């Protein structure tokens, strides 16, 4: 899809719409955990903070603030919204 990137590629303050969640064959647990936290296609997400050395990413989905590791954020494909 044109304009698609990963959540890990967004900068602080950027918002996007979740397009899809991708995972490798061994990452079914990661996929389930992300979906349980609200990472589902169509949801708006905003990068609130980036941790030192890119170790963590704090994102807002609705009224929830969630911390992700880089590998988790790379599994979330988004389309920039603002």
PDB file of N, CA and C in Angstrom:
ATOM      1  N   UNK A   1       0.834  -1.178   0.000  1.00  0.00           N
ATOM      2  CA  UNK A   1       0.000   0.000   0.000  1.00  0.00           C
ATOM      3  C   UNK A   1       0.875   1.235   0.000  1.00  0.00           C
ATOM      4  N   UNK A   2       0.541   2.221  -0.814  1.00  0.00           N
ATOM      5  CA  UNK A   2       1.302   3.461  -0.892  1.00  0.00           C
ATOM      6  C   UNK A   2       1.145   4.233   0.403  1.00  0.00           C
ATOM      7  N   UNK A   3       2.241   4.766   0.898  1.00  0.00           N
ATOM      8  CA  UNK A   3       2.207   5.565   2.110  1.00  0.00           C
ATOM      9  C   UNK A   3       2.261   4.754   3.384  1.00  0.00           C
ATOM     10  N   UNK A   4       2.316   3.451   3.278  1.00  0.00           N
ATOM     11  CA  UNK A   4       2.362   2.606   4.459  1.00  0.00           C
ATOM     12  C   UNK A   4       3.766   2.594   5.032  1.00  0.00           C
ATOM     13  N   UNK A   5       3.869   2.650   6.337  1.00  0.00           N
ATOM     14  CA  UNK A   5       5.137   2.569   7.043  1.00  0.00           C
ATOM     15  C   UNK A   5       4.889   1.795   8.334  1.00  0.00           C
ATOM     16  N   UNK A   6       5.884   1.700   9.183  1.00  0.00           N
ATOM     17  CA  UNK A   6       5.668   1.017  10.458  1.00  0.00           C
ATOM     18  C   UNK A   6       5.541   2.048  11.570  1.00  0.00           C
ATOM     19  N   UNK A   7       4.937   1.646  12.645  1.00  0.00           N
ATOM     20  CA  UNK A   7       4.794   2.509  13.808  1.00  0.00           C
ATOM     21  C   UNK A   7       6.170   2.921  14.333  1.00  0.00           C
ATOM     22  N   UNK A   8       7.136   2.043  14.202  1.00  0.00           N
ATOM     23  CA  UNK A   8       8.487   2.342  14.668  1.00  0.00           C
ATOM     24  C   UNK A   8       9.137   3.480  13.874  1.00  0.00           C
ATOM     25  N   UNK A   9       8.682   3.741  12.653  1.00  0.00           N
ATOM     26  CA  UNK A   9       9.263   4.787  11.811  1.00  0.00           C
ATOM     27  C   UNK A   9       8.697   6.175  12.085  1.00  0.00           C
ATOM     28  N   UNK A  10       7.622   6.266  12.850  1.00  0.00           N
ATOM     29  CA  UNK A  10       7.022   7.564  13.129  1.00  0.00           C
ATOM     30  C   UNK A  10       7.837   8.330  14.157  1.00  0.00           C
ATOM     31  N   UNK A  11       7.786   9.642  14.060  1.00  0.00           N
ATOM     32  CA  UNK A  11       8.480  10.507  15.008  1.00  0.00           C
ATOM     33  C   UNK A  11       7.525  10.931  16.116  1.00  0.00           C
ATOM     34  N   UNK A  12       8.086  11.454  17.179  1.00  0.00           N
ATOM     35  CA  UNK A  12       7.293  11.952  18.303  1.00  0.00           C
ATOM     36  C   UNK A  12       6.293  13.000  17.799  1.00  0.00           C
ATOM     37  N   UNK A  13       5.043  12.856  18.195  1.00  0.00           N
ATOM     38  CA  UNK A  13       3.995  13.782  17.805  1.00  0.00           C
ATOM     39  C   UNK A  13       3.253  13.398  16.542  1.00  0.00           C
ATOM     40  N   UNK A  14       3.765  12.437  15.801  1.00  0.00           N
ATOM     41  CA  UNK A  14       3.079  12.011  14.573  1.00  0.00           C
ATOM     42  C   UNK A  14       1.926  11.076  14.916  1.00  0.00           C
ATOM     43  N   UNK A  15       0.881  11.163  14.118  1.00  0.00           N
ATOM     44  CA  UNK A  15      -0.251  10.260  14.290  1.00  0.00           C
ATOM     45  C   UNK A  15      -0.493   9.520  12.980  1.00  0.00           C
ATOM     46  N   UNK A  16      -1.156   8.392  13.122  1.00  0.00           N
ATOM     47  CA  UNK A  16      -1.390   7.540  11.964  1.00  0.00           C
ATOM     48  C   UNK A  16      -2.610   6.673  12.228  1.00  0.00           C
ATOM     49  N   UNK A  17      -3.017   5.976  11.198  1.00  0.00           N
ATOM     50  CA  UNK A  17      -4.098   4.998  11.302  1.00  0.00           C
ATOM     51  C   UNK A  17      -3.491   3.619  11.090  1.00  0.00           C
ATOM     52  N   UNK A  18      -3.832   2.695  11.951  1.00  0.00           N
ATOM     53  CA  UNK A  18      -3.307   1.342  11.830  1.00  0.00           C
ATOM     54  C   UNK A  18      -3.911   0.689  10.591  1.00  0.00           C
ATOM     55  N   UNK A  19      -3.040   0.148   9.742  1.00  0.00           N
ATOM     56  CA  UNK A  19      -3.467  -0.491   8.499  1.00  0.00           C
ATOM     57  C   UNK A  19      -3.523  -2.010   8.661  1.00  0.00           C
ATOM     58  N   UNK A  20      -2.481  -2.578   9.266  1.00  0.00           N
ATOM     59  CA  UNK A  20      -2.448  -4.023   9.484  1.00  0.00           C
ATOM     60  C   UNK A  20      -1.382  -4.357  10.509  1.00  0.00           C
ATOM     61  N   UNK A  21      -1.496  -5.534  11.070  1.00  0.00           N
ATOM     62  CA  UNK A  21      -0.498  -6.058  11.998  1.00  0.00           C
ATOM     63  C   UNK A  21       0.129  -7.264  11.307  1.00  0.00           C
ATOM     64  N   UNK A  22       1.443  -7.260  11.211  1.00  0.00           N
ATOM     65  CA  UNK A  22       2.137  -8.374  10.567  1.00  0.00           C
ATOM     66  C   UNK A  22       3.055  -9.032  11.580  1.00  0.00           C
ATOM     67  N   UNK A  23       3.231 -10.319  11.433  1.00  0.00           N
ATOM     68  CA  UNK A  23       4.153 -11.030  12.310  1.00  0.00           C
ATOM     69  C   UNK A  23       4.678 -12.249  11.583  1.00  0.00           C
ATOM     70  N   UNK A  24       5.820 -12.688  12.004  1.00  0.00           N
ATOM     71  CA  UNK A  24       6.403 -13.891  11.433  1.00  0.00           C
ATOM     72  C   UNK A  24       5.659 -15.121  11.923  1.00  0.00           C
ATOM     73  N   UNK A  25       6.027 -16.251  11.381  1.00  0.00           N
ATOM     74  CA  UNK A  25       5.365 -17.509  11.731  1.00  0.00           C
ATOM     75  C   UNK A  25       5.505 -17.819  13.216  1.00  0.00           C
ATOM     76  N   UNK A  26       6.577 -17.363  13.851  1.00  0.00           N
ATOM     77  CA  UNK A  26       6.825 -17.659  15.258  1.00  0.00           C
ATOM     78  C   UNK A  26       6.295 -16.571  16.188  1.00  0.00           C
ATOM     79  N   UNK A  27       5.620 -15.574  15.654  1.00  0.00           N
ATOM     80  CA  UNK A  27       5.194 -14.434  16.459  1.00  0.00           C
ATOM     81  C   UNK A  27       3.683 -14.360  16.654  1.00  0.00           C
ATOM     82  N   UNK A  28       3.002 -15.482  16.672  1.00  0.00           N
ATOM     83  CA  UNK A  28       1.546 -15.474  16.864  1.00  0.00           C
ATOM     84  C   UNK A  28       1.191 -14.876  18.215  1.00  0.00           C
ATOM     85  N   UNK A  29       2.026 -15.119  19.213  1.00  0.00           N
ATOM     86  CA  UNK A  29       1.793 -14.559  20.550  1.00  0.00           C
ATOM     87  C   UNK A  29       1.877 -13.028  20.516  1.00  0.00           C
ATOM     88  N   UNK A  30       2.847 -12.489  19.777  1.00  0.00           N
ATOM     89  CA  UNK A  30       2.985 -11.038  19.637  1.00  0.00           C
ATOM     90  C   UNK A  30       1.751 -10.454  18.968  1.00  0.00           C
ATOM     91  N   UNK A  31       1.300 -11.085  17.906  1.00  0.00           N
ATOM     92  CA  UNK A  31       0.117 -10.624  17.189  1.00  0.00           C
ATOM     93  C   UNK A  31      -1.098 -10.564  18.118  1.00  0.00           C
ATOM     94  N   UNK A  32      -1.303 -11.602  18.884  1.00  0.00           N
ATOM     95  CA  UNK A  32      -2.426 -11.644  19.822  1.00  0.00           C
ATOM     96  C   UNK A  32      -2.321 -10.577  20.901  1.00  0.00           C
ATOM     97  N   UNK A  33      -1.115 -10.387  21.424  1.00  0.00           N
ATOM     98  CA  UNK A  33      -0.912  -9.385  22.473  1.00  0.00           C
ATOM     99  C   UNK A  33      -1.194  -7.980  21.951  1.00  0.00           C
ATOM    100  N   UNK A  34      -0.740  -7.678  20.740  1.00  0.00           N
ATOM    101  CA  UNK A  34      -0.987  -6.354  20.168  1.00  0.00           C
ATOM    102  C   UNK A  34      -2.482  -6.126  19.949  1.00  0.00           C
ATOM    103  N   UNK A  35      -3.170  -7.123  19.444  1.00  0.00           N
ATOM    104  CA  UNK A  35      -4.608  -6.992  19.224  1.00  0.00           C
ATOM    105  C   UNK A  35      -5.356  -6.789  20.536  1.00  0.00           C
ATOM    106  N   UNK A  36      -4.944  -7.483  21.584  1.00  0.00           N
ATOM    107  CA  UNK A  36      -5.583  -7.328  22.889  1.00  0.00           C
ATOM    108  C   UNK A  36      -5.391  -5.922  23.451  1.00  0.00           C
ATOM    109  N   UNK A  37      -4.296  -5.270  23.091  1.00  0.00           N
ATOM    110  CA  UNK A  37      -4.017  -3.922  23.576  1.00  0.00           C
ATOM    111  C   UNK A  37      -4.701  -2.846  22.738  1.00  0.00           C
ATOM    112  N   UNK A  38      -5.398  -3.248  21.682  1.00  0.00           N
ATOM    113  CA  UNK A  38      -6.130  -2.288  20.876  1.00  0.00           C
ATOM    114  C   UNK A  38      -5.524  -1.959  19.532  1.00  0.00           C
ATOM    115  N   UNK A  39      -4.455  -2.626  19.169  1.00  0.00           N
ATOM    116  CA  UNK A  39      -3.813  -2.399  17.876  1.00  0.00           C
ATOM    117  C   UNK A  39      -4.571  -3.181  16.805  1.00  0.00           C
ATOM    118  N   UNK A  40      -5.638  -2.574  16.305  1.00  0.00           N
ATOM    119  CA  UNK A  40      -6.448  -3.207  15.272  1.00  0.00           C
ATOM    120  C   UNK A  40      -6.600  -2.240  14.099  1.00  0.00           C
ATOM    121  N   UNK A  41      -6.738  -2.764  12.890  1.00  0.00           N
ATOM    122  CA  UNK A  41      -6.861  -1.901  11.712  1.00  0.00           C
ATOM    123  C   UNK A  41      -7.986  -0.873  11.866  1.00  0.00           C
ATOM    124  N   UNK A  42      -7.666   0.361  11.453  1.00  0.00           N
ATOM    125  CA  UNK A  42      -8.628   1.447  11.511  1.00  0.00           C
ATOM    126  C   UNK A  42      -8.489   2.335  12.732  1.00  0.00           C
ATOM    127  N   UNK A  43      -7.793   1.865  13.756  1.00  0.00           N
ATOM    128  CA  UNK A  43      -7.614   2.655  14.976  1.00  0.00           C
ATOM    129  C   UNK A  43      -6.551   3.733  14.769  1.00  0.00           C
ATOM    130  N   UNK A  44      -6.784   4.889  15.367  1.00  0.00           N
ATOM    131  CA  UNK A  44      -5.814   5.982  15.324  1.00  0.00           C
ATOM    132  C   UNK A  44      -4.780   5.760  16.419  1.00  0.00           C
ATOM    133  N   UNK A  45      -3.539   6.098  16.110  1.00  0.00           N
ATOM    134  CA  UNK A  45      -2.440   5.946  17.056  1.00  0.00           C
ATOM    135  C   UNK A  45      -1.537   7.166  16.952  1.00  0.00           C
ATOM    136  N   UNK A  46      -0.985   7.593  18.086  1.00  0.00           N
ATOM    137  CA  UNK A  46      -0.086   8.750  18.121  1.00  0.00           C
ATOM    138  C   UNK A  46       1.170   8.385  18.895  1.00  0.00           C
ATOM    139  N   UNK A  47       2.333   8.766  18.373  1.00  0.00           N
ATOM    140  CA  UNK A  47       3.588   8.561  19.087  1.00  0.00           C
ATOM    141  C   UNK A  47       3.729   9.688  20.104  1.00  0.00           C
ATOM    142  N   UNK A  48       3.783   9.328  21.369  1.00  0.00           N
ATOM    143  CA  UNK A  48       3.848  10.311  22.441  1.00  0.00           C
ATOM    144  C   UNK A  48       5.293  10.564  22.862  1.00  0.00           C
ATOM    145  N   UNK A  49       6.083   9.518  22.952  1.00  0.00           N
ATOM    146  CA  UNK A  49       7.466   9.649  23.424  1.00  0.00           C
ATOM    147  C   UNK A  49       8.309   8.517  22.870  1.00  0.00           C
ATOM    148  N   UNK A  50       9.586   8.813  22.673  1.00  0.00           N
ATOM    149  CA  UNK A  50      10.553   7.787  22.277  1.00  0.00           C
ATOM    150  C   UNK A  50      11.576   7.685  23.392  1.00  0.00           C
ATOM    151  N   UNK A  51      11.898   6.479  23.783  1.00  0.00           N
ATOM    152  CA  UNK A  51      12.872   6.269  24.846  1.00  0.00           C
ATOM    153  C   UNK A  51      14.289   6.476  24.345  1.00  0.00           C
ATOM    154  N   UNK A  52      15.235   6.566  25.273  1.00  0.00           N
ATOM    155  CA  UNK A  52      16.634   6.745  24.888  1.00  0.00           C
ATOM    156  C   UNK A  52      17.140   5.581  24.038  1.00  0.00           C
ATOM    157  N   UNK A  53      17.894   5.911  23.035  1.00  0.00           N
ATOM    158  CA  UNK A  53      18.509   4.923  22.142  1.00  0.00           C
ATOM    159  C   UNK A  53      17.479   4.076  21.400  1.00  0.00           C
ATOM    160  N   UNK A  54      16.241   4.561  21.308  1.00  0.00           N
ATOM    161  CA  UNK A  54      15.203   3.851  20.571  1.00  0.00           C
ATOM    162  C   UNK A  54      14.745   2.556  21.202  1.00  0.00           C
ATOM    163  N   UNK A  55      14.976   2.398  22.502  1.00  0.00           N
ATOM    164  CA  UNK A  55      14.627   1.139  23.165  1.00  0.00           C
ATOM    165  C   UNK A  55      13.129   0.942  23.348  1.00  0.00           C
ATOM    166  N   UNK A  56      12.392   2.025  23.541  1.00  0.00           N
ATOM    167  CA  UNK A  56      10.951   1.913  23.724  1.00  0.00           C
ATOM    168  C   UNK A  56      10.247   3.045  22.993  1.00  0.00           C
ATOM    169  N   UNK A  57       8.978   2.845  22.790  1.00  0.00           N
ATOM    170  CA  UNK A  57       8.142   3.819  22.101  1.00  0.00           C
ATOM    171  C   UNK A  57       6.829   3.884  22.877  1.00  0.00           C
ATOM    172  N   UNK A  58       6.427   5.071  23.304  1.00  0.00           N
ATOM    173  CA  UNK A  58       5.149   5.238  23.998  1.00  0.00           C
ATOM    174  C   UNK A  58       4.142   5.765  22.993  1.00  0.00           C
ATOM    175  N   UNK A  59       3.028   5.067  22.860  1.00  0.00           N
ATOM    176  CA  UNK A  59       2.003   5.458  21.895  1.00  0.00           C
ATOM    177  C   UNK A  59       0.651   5.558  22.588  1.00  0.00           C
ATOM    178  N   UNK A  60      -0.191   6.403  22.030  1.00  0.00           N
ATOM    179  CA  UNK A  60      -1.551   6.566  22.551  1.00  0.00           C
ATOM    180  C   UNK A  60      -2.542   5.989  21.548  1.00  0.00           C
ATOM    181  N   UNK A  61      -3.399   5.121  22.059  1.00  0.00           N
ATOM    182  CA  UNK A  61      -4.527   4.595  21.295  1.00  0.00           C
ATOM    183  C   UNK A  61      -5.746   4.914  22.134  1.00  0.00           C
ATOM    184  N   UNK A  62      -6.591   5.776  21.628  1.00  0.00           N
ATOM    185  CA  UNK A  62      -7.734   6.221  22.417  1.00  0.00           C
ATOM    186  C   UNK A  62      -7.242   6.947  23.652  1.00  0.00           C
ATOM    187  N   UNK A  63      -7.639   6.490  24.831  1.00  0.00           N
ATOM    188  CA  UNK A  63      -7.192   7.107  26.077  1.00  0.00           C
ATOM    189  C   UNK A  63      -6.088   6.296  26.746  1.00  0.00           C
ATOM    190  N   UNK A  64      -5.598   5.262  26.082  1.00  0.00           N
ATOM    191  CA  UNK A  64      -4.567   4.389  26.659  1.00  0.00           C
ATOM    192  C   UNK A  64      -3.183   4.788  26.178  1.00  0.00           C
ATOM    193  N   UNK A  65      -2.215   4.723  27.070  1.00  0.00           N
ATOM    194  CA  UNK A  65      -0.815   4.957  26.739  1.00  0.00           C
ATOM    195  C   UNK A  65      -0.102   3.620  26.874  1.00  0.00           C
ATOM    196  N   UNK A  66       0.542   3.190  25.796  1.00  0.00           N
ATOM    197  CA  UNK A  66       1.142   1.860  25.752  1.00  0.00           C
ATOM    198  C   UNK A  66       2.602   1.975  25.334  1.00  0.00           C
ATOM    199  N   UNK A  67       3.483   1.239  26.013  1.00  0.00           N
ATOM    200  CA  UNK A  67       4.901   1.204  25.669  1.00  0.00           C
ATOM    201  C   UNK A  67       5.173  -0.037  24.819  1.00  0.00           C
ATOM    202  N   UNK A  68       5.918   0.164  23.751  1.00  0.00           N
ATOM    203  CA  UNK A  68       6.271  -0.930  22.843  1.00  0.00           C
ATOM    204  C   UNK A  68       7.770  -1.015  22.653  1.00  0.00           C
ATOM    205  N   UNK A  69       8.258  -2.216  22.436  1.00  0.00           N
ATOM    206  CA  UNK A  69       9.650  -2.418  22.019  1.00  0.00           C
ATOM    207  C   UNK A  69       9.720  -2.194  20.513  1.00  0.00           C
ATOM    208  N   UNK A  70      10.918  -1.920  19.981  1.00  0.00           N
ATOM    209  CA  UNK A  70      11.032  -1.684  18.537  1.00  0.00           C
ATOM    210  C   UNK A  70      10.491  -2.827  17.683  1.00  0.00           C
ATOM    211  N   UNK A  71      10.739  -4.085  18.067  1.00  0.00           N
ATOM    212  CA  UNK A  71      10.240  -5.201  17.256  1.00  0.00           C
ATOM    213  C   UNK A  71       8.717  -5.250  17.257  1.00  0.00           C
ATOM    214  N   UNK A  72       8.087  -4.851  18.348  1.00  0.00           N
ATOM    215  CA  UNK A  72       6.626  -4.804  18.395  1.00  0.00           C
ATOM    216  C   UNK A  72       6.098  -3.679  17.513  1.00  0.00           C
ATOM    217  N   UNK A  73       6.757  -2.518  17.585  1.00  0.00           N
ATOM    218  CA  UNK A  73       6.330  -1.358  16.791  1.00  0.00           C
ATOM    219  C   UNK A  73       6.516  -1.611  15.295  1.00  0.00           C
ATOM    220  N   UNK A  74       7.518  -2.395  14.923  1.00  0.00           N
ATOM    221  CA  UNK A  74       7.730  -2.712  13.501  1.00  0.00           C
ATOM    222  C   UNK A  74       6.656  -3.645  12.950  1.00  0.00           C
ATOM    223  N   UNK A  75       5.965  -4.355  13.821  1.00  0.00           N
ATOM    224  CA  UNK A  75       4.905  -5.262  13.379  1.00  0.00           C
ATOM    225  C   UNK A  75       3.607  -4.516  13.074  1.00  0.00           C
ATOM    226  N   UNK A  76       3.520  -3.250  13.477  1.00  0.00           N
ATOM    227  CA  UNK A  76       2.311  -2.463  13.270  1.00  0.00           C
ATOM    228  C   UNK A  76       2.502  -1.587  12.040  1.00  0.00           C
ATOM    229  N   UNK A  77       1.811  -1.918  10.957  1.00  0.00           N
ATOM    230  CA  UNK A  77       1.867  -1.132   9.721  1.00  0.00           C
ATOM    231  C   UNK A  77       0.817  -0.036   9.792  1.00  0.00           C
ATOM    232  N   UNK A  78       1.241   1.190   9.503  1.00  0.00           N
ATOM    233  CA  UNK A  78       0.349   2.344   9.615  1.00  0.00           C
ATOM    234  C   UNK A  78       0.409   3.214   8.371  1.00  0.00           C
ATOM    235  N   UNK A  79      -0.579   4.106   8.255  1.00  0.00           N
ATOM    236  CA  UNK A  79      -0.612   5.119   7.227  1.00  0.00           C
ATOM    237  C   UNK A  79      -0.682   6.459   7.970  1.00  0.00           C
ATOM    238  N   UNK A  80       0.274   7.346   7.682  1.00  0.00           N
ATOM    239  CA  UNK A  80       0.309   8.631   8.374  1.00  0.00           C
ATOM    240  C   UNK A  80      -1.009   9.389   8.174  1.00  0.00           C
ATOM    241  N   UNK A  81      -1.487   9.986   9.273  1.00  0.00           N
ATOM    242  CA  UNK A  81      -2.760  10.705   9.227  1.00  0.00           C
ATOM    243  C   UNK A  81      -2.590  12.196   9.485  1.00  0.00           C
ATOM    244  N   UNK A  82      -1.495  12.634  10.057  1.00  0.00           N
ATOM    245  CA  UNK A  82      -1.277  14.055  10.293  1.00  0.00           C
ATOM    246  C   UNK A  82       0.200  14.361  10.351  1.00  0.00           C
TER     247      UNK A  82
END
